[in-house]
Amino acid sequence: MLKVLVLHGPNLNLLGEREPDVYGSQTLAEINQDLIELGDELSLEVTCCQANGEGELIDIIHEFRNSAEGIILNPGAYTHTSIALRDAIAAVGIPVVEVHLSNIYAREAFRSQSIVAPVCAGSISGFGYYSYAWGLHAIAQILNDEL
């Protein structure tokens, strides 16, 4: 079974409480459970992690570089600021799909630029949980095309 890391960035541990009008009412635990179940349907072994710190996110990417075939990444606010996170994605050489619950292009102007997008296989935003689900479908297609 192909292994996929789902990596959630800063403040996503507060899903369900934090600005539900922007991020929805589903908790991170609920999203993770739904993704694990969807992964089973897609013949993917899904591991979910969350970190608030930039260095922690980079360490997790490095840790999974030899065991995961793909990554679904919601970098949170680091989307717009972290060259180090961008460099980590580029360094590991495995496909990454960037996802966001909210539409980053319909929010504040500073959120419309993704530093990580150019080193990702693709980006999906604005569809709540379905951004993750469609990201998982996308990574499954990418990985199956590589076989």
C-alpha atoms as a PDB file:
ATOM      1  CA  MET A   1       0.000   0.000   0.000  1.00  0.00           C
ATOM      2  CA  LEU A   2       1.351   3.453  -0.911  1.00  0.00           C
ATOM      3  CA  LYS A   3       2.054   5.712   2.055  1.00  0.00           C
ATOM      4  CA  VAL A   4       0.894   9.321   2.191  1.00  0.00           C
ATOM      5  CA  LEU A   5       1.610  11.908   4.857  1.00  0.00           C
ATOM      6  CA  VAL A   6      -1.097  14.480   5.571  1.00  0.00           C
ATOM      7  CA  LEU A   7       0.649  17.394   7.250  1.00  0.00           C
ATOM      8  CA  HIS A   8      -1.310  20.204   8.886  1.00  0.00           C
ATOM      9  CA  GLY A   9       0.371  23.493   9.728  1.00  0.00           C
ATOM     10  CA  PRO A  10      -0.044  26.115  12.425  1.00  0.00           C
ATOM     11  CA  ASN A  11      -3.340  26.710  14.208  1.00  0.00           C
ATOM     12  CA  LEU A  12      -5.080  23.834  12.450  1.00  0.00           C
ATOM     13  CA  ASN A  13      -5.208  22.023  15.785  1.00  0.00           C
ATOM     14  CA  LEU A  14      -7.911  24.583  16.659  1.00  0.00           C
ATOM     15  CA  LEU A  15     -10.252  23.581  13.840  1.00  0.00           C
ATOM     16  CA  GLY A  16     -13.843  23.417  14.973  1.00  0.00           C
ATOM     17  CA  GLU A  17     -13.220  26.309  17.390  1.00  0.00           C
ATOM     18  CA  ARG A  18     -11.220  28.773  15.292  1.00  0.00           C
ATOM     19  CA  GLU A  19     -13.237  31.013  12.971  1.00  0.00           C
ATOM     20  CA  PRO A  20     -15.770  28.360  11.906  1.00  0.00           C
ATOM     21  CA  ASP A  21     -17.208  30.815   9.372  1.00  0.00           C
ATOM     22  CA  VAL A  22     -13.844  30.656   7.552  1.00  0.00           C
ATOM     23  CA  TYR A  23     -12.555  27.144   8.347  1.00  0.00           C
ATOM     24  CA  GLY A  24     -15.745  25.184   9.042  1.00  0.00           C
ATOM     25  CA  SER A  25     -16.932  23.346  12.127  1.00  0.00           C
ATOM     26  CA  GLN A  26     -15.156  20.036  11.531  1.00  0.00           C
ATOM     27  CA  THR A  27     -12.363  19.301  14.011  1.00  0.00           C
ATOM     28  CA  LEU A  28      -8.880  18.237  12.984  1.00  0.00           C
ATOM     29  CA  ALA A  29      -9.512  14.783  14.487  1.00  0.00           C
ATOM     30  CA  GLU A  30     -12.644  14.421  12.341  1.00  0.00           C
ATOM     31  CA  ILE A  31     -10.795  15.505   9.205  1.00  0.00           C
ATOM     32  CA  ASN A  32      -7.967  13.078   9.952  1.00  0.00           C
ATOM     33  CA  GLN A  33     -10.368  10.176  10.494  1.00  0.00           C
ATOM     34  CA  ASP A  34     -12.200  10.950   7.247  1.00  0.00           C
ATOM     35  CA  LEU A  35      -8.877  11.099   5.369  1.00  0.00           C
ATOM     36  CA  ILE A  36      -7.687   7.787   6.807  1.00  0.00           C
ATOM     37  CA  GLU A  37     -10.962   6.170   5.709  1.00  0.00           C
ATOM     38  CA  LEU A  38     -10.732   7.752   2.243  1.00  0.00           C
ATOM     39  CA  GLY A  39      -7.133   6.592   2.036  1.00  0.00           C
ATOM     40  CA  ASP A  40      -8.267   3.016   2.664  1.00  0.00           C
ATOM     41  CA  GLU A  41     -10.718   3.335  -0.249  1.00  0.00           C
ATOM     42  CA  LEU A  42      -7.896   4.635  -2.467  1.00  0.00           C
ATOM     43  CA  SER A  43      -5.420   1.953  -1.296  1.00  0.00           C
ATOM     44  CA  LEU A  44      -3.315   4.548   0.510  1.00  0.00           C
ATOM     45  CA  GLU A  45      -1.920   4.272   4.014  1.00  0.00           C
ATOM     46  CA  VAL A  46      -2.521   7.756   5.449  1.00  0.00           C
ATOM     47  CA  THR A  47      -0.556   9.145   8.390  1.00  0.00           C
ATOM     48  CA  CYS A  48      -1.676  12.517   9.766  1.00  0.00           C
ATOM     49  CA  CYS A  49       0.533  14.975  11.658  1.00  0.00           C
ATOM     50  CA  GLN A  50       0.129  18.562  12.814  1.00  0.00           C
ATOM     51  CA  ALA A  51       2.699  21.095  13.990  1.00  0.00           C
ATOM     52  CA  ASN A  52       2.556  24.768  14.833  1.00  0.00           C
ATOM     53  CA  GLY A  53       6.246  25.510  14.340  1.00  0.00           C
ATOM     54  CA  GLU A  54       8.007  26.010  11.038  1.00  0.00           C
ATOM     55  CA  GLY A  55      10.972  23.890  12.105  1.00  0.00           C
ATOM     56  CA  GLU A  56       8.679  21.116  13.327  1.00  0.00           C
ATOM     57  CA  LEU A  57       6.947  20.967   9.940  1.00  0.00           C
ATOM     58  CA  ILE A  58      10.301  20.770   8.169  1.00  0.00           C
ATOM     59  CA  ASP A  59      11.486  18.030  10.549  1.00  0.00           C
ATOM     60  CA  ILE A  60       8.342  15.987   9.823  1.00  0.00           C
ATOM     61  CA  ILE A  61       8.846  16.353   6.063  1.00  0.00           C
ATOM     62  CA  HIS A  62      12.451  15.215   6.465  1.00  0.00           C
ATOM     63  CA  GLU A  63      11.387  12.315   8.702  1.00  0.00           C
ATOM     64  CA  PHE A  64       8.902  11.002   6.096  1.00  0.00           C
ATOM     65  CA  ARG A  65      11.101  11.568   3.024  1.00  0.00           C
ATOM     66  CA  ASN A  66      12.104   7.897   2.821  1.00  0.00           C
ATOM     67  CA  SER A  67       8.848   6.320   3.981  1.00  0.00           C
ATOM     68  CA  ALA A  68       6.060   8.341   2.321  1.00  0.00           C
ATOM     69  CA  GLU A  69       5.468   8.327  -1.414  1.00  0.00           C
ATOM     70  CA  GLY A  70       3.469  11.575  -1.295  1.00  0.00           C
ATOM     71  CA  ILE A  71       2.420  14.433   0.959  1.00  0.00           C
ATOM     72  CA  ILE A  72      -0.785  16.423   1.359  1.00  0.00           C
ATOM     73  CA  LEU A  73       0.258  19.710   2.974  1.00  0.00           C
ATOM     74  CA  ASN A  74      -1.753  22.518   4.488  1.00  0.00           C
ATOM     75  CA  PRO A  75       1.039  24.895   5.465  1.00  0.00           C
ATOM     76  CA  GLY A  76      -1.350  27.405   7.052  1.00  0.00           C
ATOM     77  CA  ALA A  77       0.162  30.872   7.320  1.00  0.00           C
ATOM     78  CA  TYR A  78       3.583  29.505   6.354  1.00  0.00           C
ATOM     79  CA  THR A  79       2.166  29.279   2.828  1.00  0.00           C
ATOM     80  CA  HIS A  80       2.892  32.972   2.448  1.00  0.00           C
ATOM     81  CA  THR A  81       6.104  33.341   4.436  1.00  0.00           C
ATOM     82  CA  SER A  82       8.285  30.242   4.624  1.00  0.00           C
ATOM     83  CA  ILE A  83      11.110  29.900   2.156  1.00  0.00           C
ATOM     84  CA  ALA A  84      12.535  27.209   4.463  1.00  0.00           C
ATOM     85  CA  LEU A  85       9.370  25.123   4.109  1.00  0.00           C
ATOM     86  CA  ARG A  86       9.456  25.621   0.331  1.00  0.00           C
ATOM     87  CA  ASP A  87      13.072  24.458   0.282  1.00  0.00           C
ATOM     88  CA  ALA A  88      12.237  21.361   2.370  1.00  0.00           C
ATOM     89  CA  ILE A  89       9.515  20.377  -0.103  1.00  0.00           C
ATOM     90  CA  ALA A  90      11.896  20.825  -3.023  1.00  0.00           C
ATOM     91  CA  ALA A  91      14.675  18.910  -1.238  1.00  0.00           C
ATOM     92  CA  VAL A  92      12.781  15.688  -0.530  1.00  0.00           C
ATOM     93  CA  GLY A  93      11.803  15.044  -4.139  1.00  0.00           C
ATOM     94  CA  ILE A  94       8.412  13.456  -3.496  1.00  0.00           C
ATOM     95  CA  PRO A  95       5.110  14.837  -4.820  1.00  0.00           C
ATOM     96  CA  VAL A  96       3.307  17.315  -2.586  1.00  0.00           C
ATOM     97  CA  VAL A  97      -0.211  18.640  -3.030  1.00  0.00           C
ATOM     98  CA  GLU A  98      -0.854  21.936  -1.241  1.00  0.00           C
ATOM     99  CA  VAL A  99      -4.339  22.273   0.246  1.00  0.00           C
ATOM    100  CA  HIS A 100      -6.281  24.973   2.081  1.00  0.00           C
ATOM    101  CA  LEU A 101      -9.713  24.884   3.676  1.00  0.00           C
ATOM    102  CA  SER A 102     -10.429  28.500   2.729  1.00  0.00           C
ATOM    103  CA  ASN A 103      -9.957  30.194  -0.628  1.00  0.00           C
ATOM    104  CA  ILE A 104      -6.638  31.950  -0.058  1.00  0.00           C
ATOM    105  CA  TYR A 105      -7.215  34.091  -3.160  1.00  0.00           C
ATOM    106  CA  ALA A 106     -10.497  35.521  -1.849  1.00  0.00           C
ATOM    107  CA  ARG A 107      -9.089  36.643   1.494  1.00  0.00           C
ATOM    108  CA  GLU A 108      -6.618  39.324   2.544  1.00  0.00           C
ATOM    109  CA  ALA A 109      -4.189  40.375  -0.184  1.00  0.00           C
ATOM    110  CA  PHE A 110      -1.162  38.987   1.682  1.00  0.00           C
ATOM    111  CA  ARG A 111      -2.742  35.498   1.534  1.00  0.00           C
ATOM    112  CA  SER A 112      -2.948  35.417  -2.267  1.00  0.00           C
ATOM    113  CA  GLN A 113       0.741  34.555  -2.744  1.00  0.00           C
ATOM    114  CA  SER A 114       1.875  30.985  -2.058  1.00  0.00           C
ATOM    115  CA  ILE A 115       5.611  30.571  -1.692  1.00  0.00           C
ATOM    116  CA  VAL A 116       5.299  26.774  -1.622  1.00  0.00           C
ATOM    117  CA  ALA A 117       3.042  26.335  -4.680  1.00  0.00           C
ATOM    118  CA  PRO A 118       5.845  26.423  -7.276  1.00  0.00           C
ATOM    119  CA  VAL A 119       7.469  23.315  -5.763  1.00  0.00           C
ATOM    120  CA  CYS A 120       4.184  21.410  -5.323  1.00  0.00           C
ATOM    121  CA  ALA A 121       2.491  19.148  -7.855  1.00  0.00           C
ATOM    122  CA  GLY A 122      -0.653  21.261  -7.446  1.00  0.00           C
ATOM    123  CA  SER A 123      -2.807  23.321  -5.107  1.00  0.00           C
ATOM    124  CA  ILE A 124      -6.434  23.038  -4.032  1.00  0.00           C
ATOM    125  CA  SER A 125      -8.144  25.681  -1.899  1.00  0.00           C
ATOM    126  CA  GLY A 126     -11.513  26.951  -0.862  1.00  0.00           C
ATOM    127  CA  PHE A 127     -13.501  23.746  -0.512  1.00  0.00           C
ATOM    128  CA  GLY A 128     -13.214  23.027   3.200  1.00  0.00           C
ATOM    129  CA  TYR A 129     -12.626  19.353   3.963  1.00  0.00           C
ATOM    130  CA  TYR A 130     -13.009  18.562   0.253  1.00  0.00           C
ATOM    131  CA  SER A 131      -9.758  20.395  -0.470  1.00  0.00           C
ATOM    132  CA  TYR A 132      -8.045  17.647   1.520  1.00  0.00           C
ATOM    133  CA  ALA A 133     -10.167  14.866  -0.002  1.00  0.00           C
ATOM    134  CA  TRP A 134      -9.504  16.054  -3.555  1.00  0.00           C
ATOM    135  CA  GLY A 135      -5.839  16.473  -2.657  1.00  0.00           C
ATOM    136  CA  LEU A 136      -5.773  12.839  -1.572  1.00  0.00           C
ATOM    137  CA  HIS A 137      -7.423  11.804  -4.850  1.00  0.00           C
ATOM    138  CA  ALA A 138      -4.848  13.890  -6.734  1.00  0.00           C
ATOM    139  CA  ILE A 139      -1.863  12.366  -4.936  1.00  0.00           C
ATOM    140  CA  ALA A 140      -3.303   8.869  -5.518  1.00  0.00           C
ATOM    141  CA  GLN A 141      -3.508   9.620  -9.257  1.00  0.00           C
ATOM    142  CA  ILE A 142       0.032  11.061  -9.323  1.00  0.00           C
ATOM    143  CA  LEU A 143       1.453   8.037  -7.501  1.00  0.00           C
ATOM    144  CA  ASN A 144      -0.438   5.504  -9.601  1.00  0.00           C
ATOM    145  CA  ASP A 145       0.739   7.225 -12.791  1.00  0.00           C
ATOM    146  CA  GLU A 146       4.345   6.846 -11.563  1.00  0.00           C
ATOM    147  CA  LEU A 147       4.018   3.062 -11.108  1.00  0.00           C
END
